């Protein structure tokens, strides 16, 4: 198994264990580009760390479950189920697909697809 596949499995395991931000530090490149659906991409680890960390902190009961994973050349695709309670005390459950592009064992580009 190539290095990025092993890293992707570790990343997904940490996400399911509630260690998303620890995984972010280990597996995301400094020049990471992240994009939500067709919004403007966010560039740089610092900016993306703030965005991701804010989401994780906003929903302390957040649970993530990896449903499926597929691989291509330096590419991983995973379907993740989000489960949390929003600010209005509503239970929110939805799937999201994350497409990750890898270089030297780190994610350099990630795009998320989900219903809005």
N, C-alpha and C. Protein backbone atom coordinates (compact mmCIF):
# COMPACT_ATOMS: atom_id res chain seq x y z
N UNK A 1 0.86 -1.18 0.00
CA UNK A 1 0.00 0.00 0.00
C UNK A 1 0.90 1.24 0.00
N UNK A 2 0.58 2.19 -0.82
CA UNK A 2 1.42 3.38 -0.90
C UNK A 2 1.26 4.24 0.34
N UNK A 3 2.21 5.13 0.54
CA UNK A 3 2.25 6.00 1.71
C UNK A 3 0.96 6.80 1.88
N UNK A 4 0.45 7.38 0.80
CA UNK A 4 -0.75 8.22 0.95
C UNK A 4 -1.96 7.39 1.34
N UNK A 5 -2.06 6.16 0.87
CA UNK A 5 -3.20 5.32 1.26
C UNK A 5 -3.15 5.02 2.76
N UNK A 6 -1.98 4.69 3.25
CA UNK A 6 -1.80 4.44 4.68
C UNK A 6 -2.17 5.70 5.47
N UNK A 7 -1.67 6.86 5.03
CA UNK A 7 -1.98 8.12 5.71
C UNK A 7 -3.47 8.43 5.66
N UNK A 8 -4.11 8.15 4.53
CA UNK A 8 -5.55 8.39 4.42
C UNK A 8 -6.32 7.53 5.41
N UNK A 9 -5.91 6.28 5.55
CA UNK A 9 -6.58 5.40 6.52
C UNK A 9 -6.39 5.91 7.94
N UNK A 10 -5.18 6.35 8.27
CA UNK A 10 -4.93 6.92 9.60
C UNK A 10 -5.77 8.17 9.82
N UNK A 11 -5.81 9.03 8.82
CA UNK A 11 -6.61 10.26 8.90
C UNK A 11 -8.07 9.93 9.15
N UNK A 12 -8.63 9.01 8.38
CA UNK A 12 -10.04 8.66 8.54
C UNK A 12 -10.31 8.05 9.92
N UNK A 13 -9.39 7.24 10.42
CA UNK A 13 -9.54 6.66 11.76
C UNK A 13 -9.55 7.75 12.82
N UNK A 14 -8.64 8.69 12.70
CA UNK A 14 -8.58 9.78 13.67
C UNK A 14 -9.85 10.64 13.62
N UNK A 15 -10.37 10.87 12.42
CA UNK A 15 -11.62 11.64 12.28
C UNK A 15 -12.75 10.93 13.02
N UNK A 16 -12.86 9.63 12.83
CA UNK A 16 -13.92 8.87 13.51
C UNK A 16 -13.73 8.86 15.03
N UNK A 17 -12.50 8.99 15.49
CA UNK A 17 -12.21 9.01 16.92
C UNK A 17 -12.38 10.39 17.53
N UNK A 18 -12.81 11.38 16.74
CA UNK A 18 -12.98 12.73 17.26
C UNK A 18 -11.69 13.52 17.32
N UNK A 19 -10.69 13.12 16.55
CA UNK A 19 -9.39 13.78 16.55
C UNK A 19 -9.13 14.47 15.21
N UNK A 20 -10.15 15.14 14.69
CA UNK A 20 -10.05 15.77 13.37
C UNK A 20 -8.95 16.82 13.31
N UNK A 21 -8.82 17.64 14.33
CA UNK A 21 -7.83 18.71 14.29
C UNK A 21 -6.41 18.16 14.46
N UNK A 22 -6.25 17.11 15.25
CA UNK A 22 -4.94 16.48 15.37
C UNK A 22 -4.54 15.88 14.02
N UNK A 23 -5.50 15.27 13.33
CA UNK A 23 -5.25 14.69 12.02
C UNK A 23 -4.92 15.79 11.00
N UNK A 24 -5.59 16.92 11.12
CA UNK A 24 -5.33 18.05 10.22
C UNK A 24 -3.85 18.44 10.30
N UNK A 25 -3.32 18.52 11.51
CA UNK A 25 -1.92 18.92 11.70
C UNK A 25 -0.97 17.91 11.08
N UNK A 26 -1.30 16.63 11.13
CA UNK A 26 -0.41 15.58 10.64
C UNK A 26 -0.44 15.40 9.12
N UNK A 27 -1.62 15.56 8.50
CA UNK A 27 -1.78 15.09 7.13
C UNK A 27 -2.08 16.17 6.08
N UNK A 28 -2.10 17.42 6.47
CA UNK A 28 -2.39 18.50 5.51
C UNK A 28 -1.13 19.33 5.27
N UNK A 29 -0.86 19.62 3.99
CA UNK A 29 0.31 20.40 3.59
C UNK A 29 0.11 21.87 3.95
N UNK A 30 1.21 22.59 4.10
CA UNK A 30 1.14 24.03 4.40
C UNK A 30 0.40 24.81 3.31
N UNK A 31 0.50 24.36 2.07
CA UNK A 31 -0.14 25.06 0.95
C UNK A 31 -1.50 24.46 0.58
N UNK A 32 -2.16 23.79 1.52
CA UNK A 32 -3.44 23.13 1.27
C UNK A 32 -4.47 24.10 0.68
N UNK A 33 -5.20 23.60 -0.31
CA UNK A 33 -6.34 24.31 -0.87
C UNK A 33 -7.58 23.48 -0.56
N UNK A 34 -8.56 24.10 0.11
CA UNK A 34 -9.80 23.40 0.45
C UNK A 34 -10.98 24.17 -0.13
N UNK A 35 -11.99 23.41 -0.58
CA UNK A 35 -13.14 24.05 -1.22
C UNK A 35 -14.42 23.32 -0.84
N UNK A 36 -15.45 24.09 -0.53
CA UNK A 36 -16.78 23.56 -0.21
C UNK A 36 -17.67 23.72 -1.44
N UNK A 37 -18.11 22.61 -2.02
CA UNK A 37 -18.92 22.64 -3.24
C UNK A 37 -18.28 23.59 -4.26
N UNK A 38 -19.00 24.60 -4.71
CA UNK A 38 -18.46 25.51 -5.73
C UNK A 38 -18.10 26.89 -5.17
N UNK A 39 -17.90 26.96 -3.86
CA UNK A 39 -17.48 28.23 -3.27
C UNK A 39 -16.01 28.50 -3.61
N UNK A 40 -15.56 29.70 -3.30
CA UNK A 40 -14.17 30.06 -3.53
C UNK A 40 -13.24 29.19 -2.66
N UNK A 41 -12.19 28.62 -3.24
CA UNK A 41 -11.27 27.79 -2.45
C UNK A 41 -10.57 28.61 -1.36
N UNK A 42 -10.29 27.95 -0.24
CA UNK A 42 -9.49 28.55 0.84
C UNK A 42 -8.07 28.02 0.68
N UNK A 43 -7.10 28.91 0.74
CA UNK A 43 -5.72 28.52 0.49
C UNK A 43 -4.88 28.73 1.75
N UNK A 44 -4.08 27.73 2.09
CA UNK A 44 -3.15 27.84 3.20
C UNK A 44 -3.62 27.10 4.44
N UNK A 45 -2.68 26.48 5.11
CA UNK A 45 -2.99 25.67 6.30
C UNK A 45 -3.53 26.53 7.44
N UNK A 46 -2.94 27.70 7.65
CA UNK A 46 -3.38 28.56 8.75
C UNK A 46 -4.86 28.92 8.62
N UNK A 47 -5.25 29.42 7.45
CA UNK A 47 -6.64 29.83 7.23
C UNK A 47 -7.59 28.64 7.32
N UNK A 48 -7.20 27.51 6.73
CA UNK A 48 -8.06 26.32 6.77
C UNK A 48 -8.16 25.73 8.16
N UNK A 49 -7.08 25.83 8.93
CA UNK A 49 -7.11 25.36 10.32
C UNK A 49 -8.18 26.13 11.10
N UNK A 50 -8.21 27.45 10.94
CA UNK A 50 -9.21 28.27 11.63
C UNK A 50 -10.63 27.89 11.21
N UNK A 51 -10.84 27.69 9.93
CA UNK A 51 -12.17 27.33 9.43
C UNK A 51 -12.62 25.97 9.96
N UNK A 52 -11.75 24.97 9.83
CA UNK A 52 -12.09 23.62 10.29
C UNK A 52 -12.25 23.56 11.80
N UNK A 53 -11.32 24.20 12.51
CA UNK A 53 -11.38 24.21 13.97
C UNK A 53 -12.63 24.89 14.48
N UNK A 54 -13.04 25.95 13.81
CA UNK A 54 -14.27 26.65 14.20
C UNK A 54 -15.49 25.77 14.08
N UNK A 55 -15.55 24.98 13.00
CA UNK A 55 -16.68 24.07 12.81
C UNK A 55 -16.69 23.00 13.89
N UNK A 56 -15.54 22.41 14.15
CA UNK A 56 -15.43 21.35 15.16
C UNK A 56 -15.81 21.89 16.54
N UNK A 57 -15.33 23.08 16.89
CA UNK A 57 -15.63 23.67 18.20
C UNK A 57 -17.10 24.06 18.33
N UNK A 58 -17.72 24.46 17.23
CA UNK A 58 -19.11 24.92 17.27
C UNK A 58 -20.09 23.79 17.60
N UNK A 59 -19.69 22.56 17.32
CA UNK A 59 -20.59 21.42 17.51
C UNK A 59 -19.89 20.34 18.33
N UNK A 60 -19.91 20.48 19.65
CA UNK A 60 -19.17 19.56 20.52
C UNK A 60 -19.64 18.10 20.44
N UNK A 61 -20.87 17.87 19.96
CA UNK A 61 -21.35 16.50 19.85
C UNK A 61 -21.12 15.92 18.45
N UNK A 62 -20.31 16.58 17.64
CA UNK A 62 -20.04 16.15 16.27
C UNK A 62 -19.48 14.73 16.23
N UNK A 63 -20.11 13.89 15.42
CA UNK A 63 -19.61 12.54 15.17
C UNK A 63 -19.48 12.38 13.66
N UNK A 64 -18.37 11.80 13.23
CA UNK A 64 -18.13 11.55 11.82
C UNK A 64 -17.87 10.07 11.62
N UNK A 65 -18.50 9.51 10.60
CA UNK A 65 -18.32 8.09 10.29
C UNK A 65 -17.97 7.96 8.82
N UNK A 66 -16.86 7.32 8.53
CA UNK A 66 -16.45 7.08 7.15
C UNK A 66 -17.26 5.89 6.62
N UNK A 67 -18.02 6.13 5.55
CA UNK A 67 -18.88 5.10 4.99
C UNK A 67 -18.21 4.31 3.88
N UNK A 68 -17.39 4.98 3.06
CA UNK A 68 -16.71 4.29 1.97
C UNK A 68 -15.49 5.09 1.54
N UNK A 69 -14.54 4.38 0.92
CA UNK A 69 -13.30 4.99 0.46
C UNK A 69 -12.94 4.38 -0.88
N UNK A 70 -12.44 5.23 -1.79
CA UNK A 70 -11.92 4.77 -3.08
C UNK A 70 -10.61 5.48 -3.35
N UNK A 71 -9.76 4.82 -4.15
CA UNK A 71 -8.44 5.38 -4.44
C UNK A 71 -8.19 5.46 -5.93
N UNK A 72 -7.44 6.49 -6.31
CA UNK A 72 -6.90 6.64 -7.64
C UNK A 72 -5.44 7.00 -7.50
N UNK A 73 -4.85 7.52 -8.56
CA UNK A 73 -3.44 7.90 -8.51
C UNK A 73 -3.26 9.16 -7.68
N UNK A 74 -2.64 9.02 -6.51
CA UNK A 74 -2.46 10.13 -5.56
C UNK A 74 -3.78 10.82 -5.23
N UNK A 75 -4.84 10.03 -5.15
CA UNK A 75 -6.19 10.54 -4.94
C UNK A 75 -6.95 9.60 -4.02
N UNK A 76 -7.66 10.18 -3.05
CA UNK A 76 -8.57 9.38 -2.23
C UNK A 76 -9.92 10.08 -2.22
N UNK A 77 -10.96 9.28 -2.21
CA UNK A 77 -12.33 9.79 -2.17
C UNK A 77 -13.03 9.06 -1.04
N UNK A 78 -13.63 9.81 -0.14
CA UNK A 78 -14.34 9.18 0.96
C UNK A 78 -15.70 9.82 1.16
N UNK A 79 -16.65 8.96 1.51
CA UNK A 79 -17.98 9.43 1.88
C UNK A 79 -18.04 9.37 3.40
N UNK A 80 -18.39 10.52 4.00
CA UNK A 80 -18.40 10.65 5.45
C UNK A 80 -19.80 11.09 5.89
N UNK A 81 -20.31 10.47 6.94
CA UNK A 81 -21.61 10.84 7.49
C UNK A 81 -21.38 11.78 8.68
N UNK A 82 -21.96 12.98 8.60
CA UNK A 82 -21.90 13.97 9.67
C UNK A 82 -23.14 13.80 10.55
N UNK A 83 -22.95 13.90 11.85
CA UNK A 83 -24.05 13.76 12.81
C UNK A 83 -23.76 14.72 13.96
N UNK A 84 -24.61 15.74 14.14
CA UNK A 84 -24.42 16.72 15.21
C UNK A 84 -25.73 17.46 15.48
N UNK A 85 -25.72 18.26 16.54
CA UNK A 85 -26.86 19.10 16.89
C UNK A 85 -26.48 20.54 16.61
N UNK A 86 -27.33 21.25 15.85
CA UNK A 86 -27.00 22.64 15.49
C UNK A 86 -27.40 23.61 16.61
N UNK A 87 -27.20 24.90 16.35
CA UNK A 87 -27.47 25.93 17.36
C UNK A 87 -28.94 26.02 17.76
N UNK A 88 -29.84 25.53 16.89
CA UNK A 88 -31.27 25.54 17.19
C UNK A 88 -31.73 24.22 17.82
N UNK A 89 -30.77 23.43 18.29
CA UNK A 89 -31.02 22.13 18.93
C UNK A 89 -31.67 21.12 17.99
N UNK A 90 -31.42 21.28 16.70
CA UNK A 90 -31.92 20.32 15.71
C UNK A 90 -30.84 19.30 15.40
N UNK A 91 -31.26 18.05 15.29
CA UNK A 91 -30.33 16.97 14.94
C UNK A 91 -30.05 17.07 13.44
N UNK A 92 -28.78 17.14 13.07
CA UNK A 92 -28.38 17.25 11.67
C UNK A 92 -27.58 16.01 11.30
N UNK A 93 -28.01 15.32 10.26
CA UNK A 93 -27.30 14.15 9.75
C UNK A 93 -27.27 14.27 8.23
N UNK A 94 -26.06 14.24 7.66
CA UNK A 94 -25.94 14.31 6.20
C UNK A 94 -24.63 13.70 5.74
N UNK A 95 -24.63 13.16 4.52
CA UNK A 95 -23.38 12.64 3.96
C UNK A 95 -22.62 13.73 3.22
N UNK A 96 -21.30 13.57 3.19
CA UNK A 96 -20.43 14.47 2.45
C UNK A 96 -19.38 13.62 1.76
N UNK A 97 -19.01 14.02 0.56
CA UNK A 97 -17.93 13.35 -0.15
C UNK A 97 -16.73 14.29 -0.16
N UNK A 98 -15.57 13.77 0.24
CA UNK A 98 -14.32 14.54 0.24
C UNK A 98 -13.38 13.91 -0.79
N UNK A 99 -12.90 14.74 -1.70
CA UNK A 99 -11.93 14.31 -2.70
C UNK A 99 -10.60 14.93 -2.32
N UNK A 100 -9.62 14.06 -2.02
CA UNK A 100 -8.31 14.51 -1.54
C UNK A 100 -7.23 14.20 -2.57
N UNK A 101 -6.41 15.19 -2.85
CA UNK A 101 -5.25 15.02 -3.73
C UNK A 101 -4.00 15.05 -2.84
N UNK A 102 -3.13 14.07 -3.03
CA UNK A 102 -1.98 13.87 -2.16
C UNK A 102 -0.66 14.09 -2.90
N UNK A 103 0.32 14.66 -2.18
CA UNK A 103 1.71 14.77 -2.64
C UNK A 103 2.62 14.52 -1.45
N UNK A 104 3.57 13.64 -1.63
CA UNK A 104 4.55 13.35 -0.57
C UNK A 104 3.89 13.00 0.76
N UNK A 105 2.79 12.25 0.70
CA UNK A 105 2.13 11.79 1.91
C UNK A 105 1.24 12.81 2.60
N UNK A 106 1.06 14.00 1.98
CA UNK A 106 0.21 15.05 2.57
C UNK A 106 -0.87 15.47 1.58
N UNK A 107 -1.98 15.94 2.13
CA UNK A 107 -3.07 16.44 1.29
C UNK A 107 -2.72 17.86 0.85
N UNK A 108 -2.77 18.10 -0.46
CA UNK A 108 -2.49 19.43 -1.01
C UNK A 108 -3.75 20.10 -1.55
N UNK A 109 -4.79 19.29 -1.79
CA UNK A 109 -6.06 19.84 -2.28
C UNK A 109 -7.17 18.93 -1.80
N UNK A 110 -8.23 19.55 -1.28
CA UNK A 110 -9.39 18.78 -0.82
C UNK A 110 -10.65 19.54 -1.18
N UNK A 111 -11.58 18.86 -1.80
CA UNK A 111 -12.86 19.47 -2.15
C UNK A 111 -13.98 18.63 -1.56
N UNK A 112 -14.96 19.32 -0.97
CA UNK A 112 -16.09 18.67 -0.31
C UNK A 112 -17.36 18.87 -1.14
N UNK A 113 -18.12 17.81 -1.28
CA UNK A 113 -19.38 17.84 -2.00
C UNK A 113 -20.49 17.40 -1.05
N UNK A 114 -21.53 18.26 -0.92
CA UNK A 114 -22.66 17.91 -0.06
C UNK A 114 -23.86 18.74 -0.47
N UNK A 115 -25.04 18.28 -0.08
CA UNK A 115 -26.27 19.02 -0.37
C UNK A 115 -26.33 20.26 0.52
N UNK A 116 -26.84 21.35 -0.05
CA UNK A 116 -26.95 22.58 0.74
C UNK A 116 -28.40 22.86 1.07
